[in-house]
Amino acid sequence: MTCSGAGIYELVGQSSALSLVSLFAPLAAGLYWKRASSVGAILAMIVGMSVWLAFEFVLDSDVPSLIWGLLASTTGMIGGSPLYPSTHPLYAMPDAGNPPGAPR
């Protein structure tokens, strides 16, 4: 990209695409959604980046490719998390903070 003659603003804008289309939705869902799972996060990263690459370099649209990637990433997170819920014991037990035998 640096050889294409793009300015510094274009380069910085393109470098933030990874964070927006593949990391924002899993990060936000992991912080604020209790049903978020690691499978949903991985699916969101893969789908978001794939759709962004497709709209950036192959397909033509009036809507910016970052928007398509973010929508696909969010869809992957929302769709993948309920299909493969987290089975970590910390999230599965209602009293995960209390060890066995401890007073409540």
N, C-alpha and C. Protein backbone atom coordinates (compact mmCIF):
# COMPACT_ATOMS: atom_id res chain seq x y z
N MET A 1 0.80 -1.19 0.00
CA MET A 1 0.00 0.00 0.00
C MET A 1 0.85 1.26 0.00
N THR A 2 2.00 1.20 0.62
CA THR A 2 2.82 2.40 0.67
C THR A 2 3.35 2.77 -0.70
N CYS A 3 3.49 1.80 -1.58
CA CYS A 3 3.98 2.08 -2.93
C CYS A 3 2.88 2.62 -3.84
N SER A 4 1.64 2.57 -3.40
CA SER A 4 0.54 3.01 -4.26
C SER A 4 0.38 4.52 -4.26
N GLY A 5 1.12 5.22 -3.43
CA GLY A 5 1.04 6.67 -3.41
C GLY A 5 -0.04 7.20 -2.48
N ALA A 6 -0.59 6.35 -1.63
CA ALA A 6 -1.62 6.79 -0.69
C ALA A 6 -0.99 7.66 0.40
N GLY A 7 -1.76 8.62 0.86
CA GLY A 7 -1.27 9.50 1.91
C GLY A 7 -1.31 8.81 3.27
N ILE A 8 -0.76 9.48 4.24
CA ILE A 8 -0.67 8.93 5.58
C ILE A 8 -2.06 8.73 6.18
N TYR A 9 -2.99 9.60 5.87
CA TYR A 9 -4.34 9.46 6.42
C TYR A 9 -5.03 8.21 5.88
N GLU A 10 -4.83 7.93 4.61
CA GLU A 10 -5.39 6.72 4.01
C GLU A 10 -4.77 5.47 4.63
N LEU A 11 -3.48 5.49 4.87
CA LEU A 11 -2.80 4.34 5.47
C LEU A 11 -3.27 4.10 6.90
N VAL A 12 -3.42 5.16 7.67
CA VAL A 12 -3.90 5.01 9.05
C VAL A 12 -5.34 4.52 9.05
N GLY A 13 -6.15 5.02 8.15
CA GLY A 13 -7.54 4.58 8.06
C GLY A 13 -7.65 3.11 7.71
N GLN A 14 -6.83 2.64 6.80
CA GLN A 14 -6.86 1.23 6.42
C GLN A 14 -6.31 0.34 7.54
N SER A 15 -5.37 0.84 8.30
CA SER A 15 -4.82 0.01 9.38
C SER A 15 -5.82 -0.18 10.51
N SER A 16 -6.76 0.73 10.67
CA SER A 16 -7.77 0.56 11.71
C SER A 16 -8.89 -0.38 11.30
N ALA A 17 -8.90 -0.82 10.05
CA ALA A 17 -9.95 -1.72 9.58
C ALA A 17 -9.94 -3.04 10.33
N LEU A 18 -8.77 -3.57 10.64
CA LEU A 18 -8.69 -4.83 11.38
C LEU A 18 -9.37 -4.71 12.73
N SER A 19 -9.11 -3.63 13.43
CA SER A 19 -9.72 -3.44 14.74
C SER A 19 -11.23 -3.29 14.66
N LEU A 20 -11.71 -2.59 13.66
CA LEU A 20 -13.15 -2.35 13.57
C LEU A 20 -13.90 -3.58 13.12
N VAL A 21 -13.46 -4.21 12.04
CA VAL A 21 -14.27 -5.28 11.46
C VAL A 21 -14.07 -6.63 12.13
N SER A 22 -12.99 -6.84 12.84
CA SER A 22 -12.81 -8.17 13.41
C SER A 22 -12.66 -8.18 14.92
N LEU A 23 -12.37 -7.08 15.55
CA LEU A 23 -12.14 -7.11 17.00
C LEU A 23 -13.18 -6.35 17.81
N PHE A 24 -13.85 -5.38 17.23
CA PHE A 24 -14.77 -4.55 18.01
C PHE A 24 -15.98 -5.33 18.51
N ALA A 25 -16.64 -6.07 17.63
CA ALA A 25 -17.85 -6.81 18.03
C ALA A 25 -17.56 -7.87 19.10
N PRO A 26 -16.50 -8.70 18.95
CA PRO A 26 -16.22 -9.66 20.02
C PRO A 26 -15.82 -9.00 21.34
N LEU A 27 -15.10 -7.90 21.26
CA LEU A 27 -14.70 -7.20 22.48
C LEU A 27 -15.90 -6.60 23.19
N ALA A 28 -16.75 -5.92 22.46
CA ALA A 28 -17.94 -5.32 23.08
C ALA A 28 -18.89 -6.39 23.61
N ALA A 29 -19.08 -7.46 22.85
CA ALA A 29 -19.96 -8.53 23.32
C ALA A 29 -19.37 -9.24 24.54
N GLY A 30 -18.08 -9.43 24.55
CA GLY A 30 -17.44 -10.07 25.70
C GLY A 30 -17.54 -9.25 26.97
N LEU A 31 -17.56 -7.95 26.82
CA LEU A 31 -17.66 -7.08 27.99
C LEU A 31 -19.08 -6.94 28.51
N TYR A 32 -20.06 -6.89 27.59
CA TYR A 32 -21.41 -6.52 28.00
C TYR A 32 -22.47 -7.60 27.81
N TRP A 33 -22.15 -8.72 27.18
CA TRP A 33 -23.15 -9.76 26.92
C TRP A 33 -22.74 -11.04 27.64
N LYS A 34 -23.54 -11.50 28.57
CA LYS A 34 -23.18 -12.67 29.37
C LYS A 34 -23.18 -13.96 28.57
N ARG A 35 -23.92 -14.02 27.48
CA ARG A 35 -23.99 -15.24 26.69
C ARG A 35 -22.93 -15.31 25.59
N ALA A 36 -22.02 -14.37 25.52
CA ALA A 36 -20.97 -14.40 24.50
C ALA A 36 -20.05 -15.59 24.74
N SER A 37 -19.61 -16.22 23.66
CA SER A 37 -18.73 -17.38 23.78
C SER A 37 -17.50 -17.19 22.90
N SER A 38 -16.50 -18.01 23.16
CA SER A 38 -15.27 -17.92 22.38
C SER A 38 -15.49 -18.35 20.94
N VAL A 39 -16.37 -19.31 20.71
CA VAL A 39 -16.67 -19.73 19.34
C VAL A 39 -17.33 -18.58 18.57
N GLY A 40 -18.24 -17.87 19.22
CA GLY A 40 -18.86 -16.72 18.59
C GLY A 40 -17.85 -15.63 18.27
N ALA A 41 -16.88 -15.43 19.17
CA ALA A 41 -15.85 -14.42 18.94
C ALA A 41 -14.96 -14.79 17.76
N ILE A 42 -14.56 -16.04 17.68
CA ILE A 42 -13.72 -16.48 16.56
C ILE A 42 -14.48 -16.39 15.25
N LEU A 43 -15.74 -16.81 15.27
CA LEU A 43 -16.58 -16.72 14.08
C LEU A 43 -16.74 -15.26 13.64
N ALA A 44 -16.94 -14.36 14.59
CA ALA A 44 -17.08 -12.95 14.28
C ALA A 44 -15.82 -12.39 13.63
N MET A 45 -14.65 -12.78 14.13
CA MET A 45 -13.40 -12.30 13.55
C MET A 45 -13.20 -12.79 12.13
N ILE A 46 -13.48 -14.06 11.90
CA ILE A 46 -13.28 -14.64 10.57
C ILE A 46 -14.28 -14.07 9.56
N VAL A 47 -15.56 -14.04 9.96
CA VAL A 47 -16.59 -13.56 9.03
C VAL A 47 -16.42 -12.07 8.76
N GLY A 48 -16.15 -11.29 9.79
CA GLY A 48 -15.98 -9.85 9.61
C GLY A 48 -14.82 -9.51 8.69
N MET A 49 -13.70 -10.17 8.89
CA MET A 49 -12.54 -9.89 8.04
C MET A 49 -12.77 -10.37 6.61
N SER A 50 -13.42 -11.52 6.46
CA SER A 50 -13.69 -12.05 5.11
C SER A 50 -14.62 -11.13 4.32
N VAL A 51 -15.67 -10.68 4.96
CA VAL A 51 -16.61 -9.79 4.28
C VAL A 51 -15.96 -8.45 3.96
N TRP A 52 -15.16 -7.93 4.88
CA TRP A 52 -14.46 -6.67 4.62
C TRP A 52 -13.52 -6.81 3.43
N LEU A 53 -12.75 -7.90 3.40
CA LEU A 53 -11.84 -8.11 2.27
C LEU A 53 -12.60 -8.25 0.95
N ALA A 54 -13.72 -8.95 0.99
CA ALA A 54 -14.51 -9.13 -0.23
C ALA A 54 -15.04 -7.80 -0.75
N PHE A 55 -15.58 -6.97 0.13
CA PHE A 55 -16.13 -5.68 -0.31
C PHE A 55 -15.03 -4.66 -0.59
N GLU A 56 -13.88 -4.82 -0.01
CA GLU A 56 -12.79 -3.88 -0.23
C GLU A 56 -12.11 -4.11 -1.58
N PHE A 57 -11.92 -5.38 -1.94
CA PHE A 57 -11.09 -5.66 -3.12
C PHE A 57 -11.83 -6.35 -4.26
N VAL A 58 -12.98 -6.98 -4.01
CA VAL A 58 -13.64 -7.74 -5.06
C VAL A 58 -14.98 -7.13 -5.45
N LEU A 59 -15.86 -6.94 -4.49
CA LEU A 59 -17.22 -6.46 -4.76
C LEU A 59 -17.27 -4.94 -4.72
N ASP A 60 -18.26 -4.38 -5.41
CA ASP A 60 -18.43 -2.94 -5.44
C ASP A 60 -19.75 -2.58 -4.78
N SER A 61 -19.72 -1.58 -3.91
CA SER A 61 -20.92 -1.17 -3.19
C SER A 61 -20.84 0.31 -2.88
N ASP A 62 -22.01 0.94 -2.77
CA ASP A 62 -22.04 2.35 -2.39
C ASP A 62 -21.79 2.51 -0.89
N VAL A 63 -22.05 1.46 -0.12
CA VAL A 63 -21.82 1.47 1.32
C VAL A 63 -20.36 1.11 1.57
N PRO A 64 -19.67 1.82 2.47
CA PRO A 64 -18.26 1.50 2.73
C PRO A 64 -18.06 0.06 3.21
N SER A 65 -16.95 -0.52 2.83
CA SER A 65 -16.67 -1.92 3.18
C SER A 65 -16.53 -2.12 4.68
N LEU A 66 -16.12 -1.09 5.42
CA LEU A 66 -16.03 -1.21 6.88
C LEU A 66 -17.39 -1.47 7.51
N ILE A 67 -18.43 -0.86 6.96
CA ILE A 67 -19.78 -1.07 7.48
C ILE A 67 -20.22 -2.51 7.25
N TRP A 68 -19.98 -3.04 6.04
CA TRP A 68 -20.33 -4.42 5.75
C TRP A 68 -19.57 -5.38 6.66
N GLY A 69 -18.29 -5.11 6.88
CA GLY A 69 -17.49 -5.98 7.75
C GLY A 69 -17.96 -5.94 9.19
N LEU A 70 -18.31 -4.75 9.67
CA LEU A 70 -18.81 -4.63 11.05
C LEU A 70 -20.15 -5.34 11.21
N LEU A 71 -21.04 -5.19 10.24
CA LEU A 71 -22.33 -5.89 10.30
C LEU A 71 -22.14 -7.41 10.28
N ALA A 72 -21.24 -7.88 9.43
CA ALA A 72 -20.99 -9.32 9.36
C ALA A 72 -20.35 -9.83 10.65
N SER A 73 -19.45 -9.06 11.22
CA SER A 73 -18.82 -9.45 12.48
C SER A 73 -19.84 -9.52 13.61
N THR A 74 -20.71 -8.54 13.67
CA THR A 74 -21.75 -8.54 14.70
C THR A 74 -22.71 -9.71 14.51
N THR A 75 -23.06 -9.99 13.26
CA THR A 75 -23.93 -11.13 12.97
C THR A 75 -23.26 -12.44 13.36
N GLY A 76 -21.97 -12.57 13.09
CA GLY A 76 -21.24 -13.77 13.47
C GLY A 76 -21.19 -13.95 14.98
N MET A 77 -21.04 -12.87 15.70
CA MET A 77 -21.00 -12.95 17.16
C MET A 77 -22.36 -13.32 17.73
N ILE A 78 -23.40 -12.67 17.24
CA ILE A 78 -24.75 -12.94 17.74
C ILE A 78 -25.21 -14.33 17.32
N GLY A 79 -24.83 -14.76 16.13
CA GLY A 79 -25.24 -16.08 15.65
C GLY A 79 -24.41 -17.22 16.21
N GLY A 80 -23.13 -17.00 16.41
CA GLY A 80 -22.25 -18.07 16.85
C GLY A 80 -22.28 -18.35 18.34
N SER A 81 -22.54 -17.34 19.14
CA SER A 81 -22.53 -17.54 20.59
C SER A 81 -23.64 -18.45 21.09
N PRO A 82 -24.90 -18.28 20.66
CA PRO A 82 -25.93 -19.22 21.13
C PRO A 82 -25.78 -20.63 20.56
N LEU A 83 -25.19 -20.76 19.37
CA LEU A 83 -25.02 -22.09 18.79
C LEU A 83 -24.02 -22.92 19.58
N TYR A 84 -22.96 -22.30 20.06
CA TYR A 84 -21.93 -22.98 20.85
C TYR A 84 -21.70 -22.19 22.14
N PRO A 85 -22.57 -22.36 23.14
CA PRO A 85 -22.42 -21.58 24.38
C PRO A 85 -21.17 -21.98 25.16
N SER A 86 -20.72 -21.09 25.98
CA SER A 86 -19.54 -21.33 26.79
C SER A 86 -19.83 -22.40 27.83
N THR A 87 -18.92 -23.36 27.97
CA THR A 87 -19.09 -24.43 28.95
C THR A 87 -18.08 -24.31 30.08
N HIS A 88 -17.49 -23.16 30.21
CA HIS A 88 -16.52 -22.93 31.29
C HIS A 88 -17.24 -23.03 32.63
N PRO A 89 -16.68 -23.76 33.61
CA PRO A 89 -17.40 -23.94 34.89
C PRO A 89 -17.68 -22.65 35.63
N LEU A 90 -16.87 -21.63 35.42
CA LEU A 90 -17.11 -20.36 36.11
C LEU A 90 -18.44 -19.76 35.67
N TYR A 91 -18.79 -19.94 34.40
CA TYR A 91 -20.03 -19.37 33.90
C TYR A 91 -21.21 -20.32 34.06
N ALA A 92 -20.95 -21.61 34.23
CA ALA A 92 -22.02 -22.59 34.30
C ALA A 92 -22.59 -22.70 35.72
N MET A 93 -21.80 -22.42 36.74
CA MET A 93 -22.26 -22.58 38.12
C MET A 93 -22.87 -21.28 38.62
N PRO A 94 -24.06 -21.33 39.23
CA PRO A 94 -24.67 -20.11 39.73
C PRO A 94 -23.91 -19.51 40.91
N ASP A 95 -23.26 -20.33 41.73
CA ASP A 95 -22.51 -19.85 42.89
C ASP A 95 -21.02 -20.02 42.67
N ALA A 96 -20.51 -19.56 41.54
CA ALA A 96 -19.11 -19.78 41.18
C ALA A 96 -18.16 -19.06 42.13
N GLY A 97 -18.61 -18.00 42.77
CA GLY A 97 -17.73 -17.25 43.66
C GLY A 97 -17.58 -17.87 45.04
N ASN A 98 -18.45 -18.79 45.41
CA ASN A 98 -18.38 -19.41 46.74
C ASN A 98 -17.81 -20.81 46.64
N PRO A 99 -16.72 -21.09 47.36
CA PRO A 99 -16.19 -22.46 47.36
C PRO A 99 -17.14 -23.39 48.12
N PRO A 100 -17.06 -24.70 47.84
CA PRO A 100 -17.95 -25.63 48.54
C PRO A 100 -17.75 -25.57 50.06
N GLY A 101 -18.82 -25.55 50.79
CA GLY A 101 -18.75 -25.53 52.25
C GLY A 101 -18.63 -24.14 52.84
N ALA A 102 -18.47 -23.12 52.03
CA ALA A 102 -18.34 -21.76 52.57
C ALA A 102 -19.72 -21.21 52.91
N PRO A 103 -19.79 -20.42 53.96
CA PRO A 103 -21.09 -19.81 54.30
C PRO A 103 -21.51 -18.81 53.23
N ARG A 104 -22.79 -18.66 53.05
CA ARG A 104 -23.30 -17.75 52.02
C ARG A 104 -23.55 -16.41 52.59
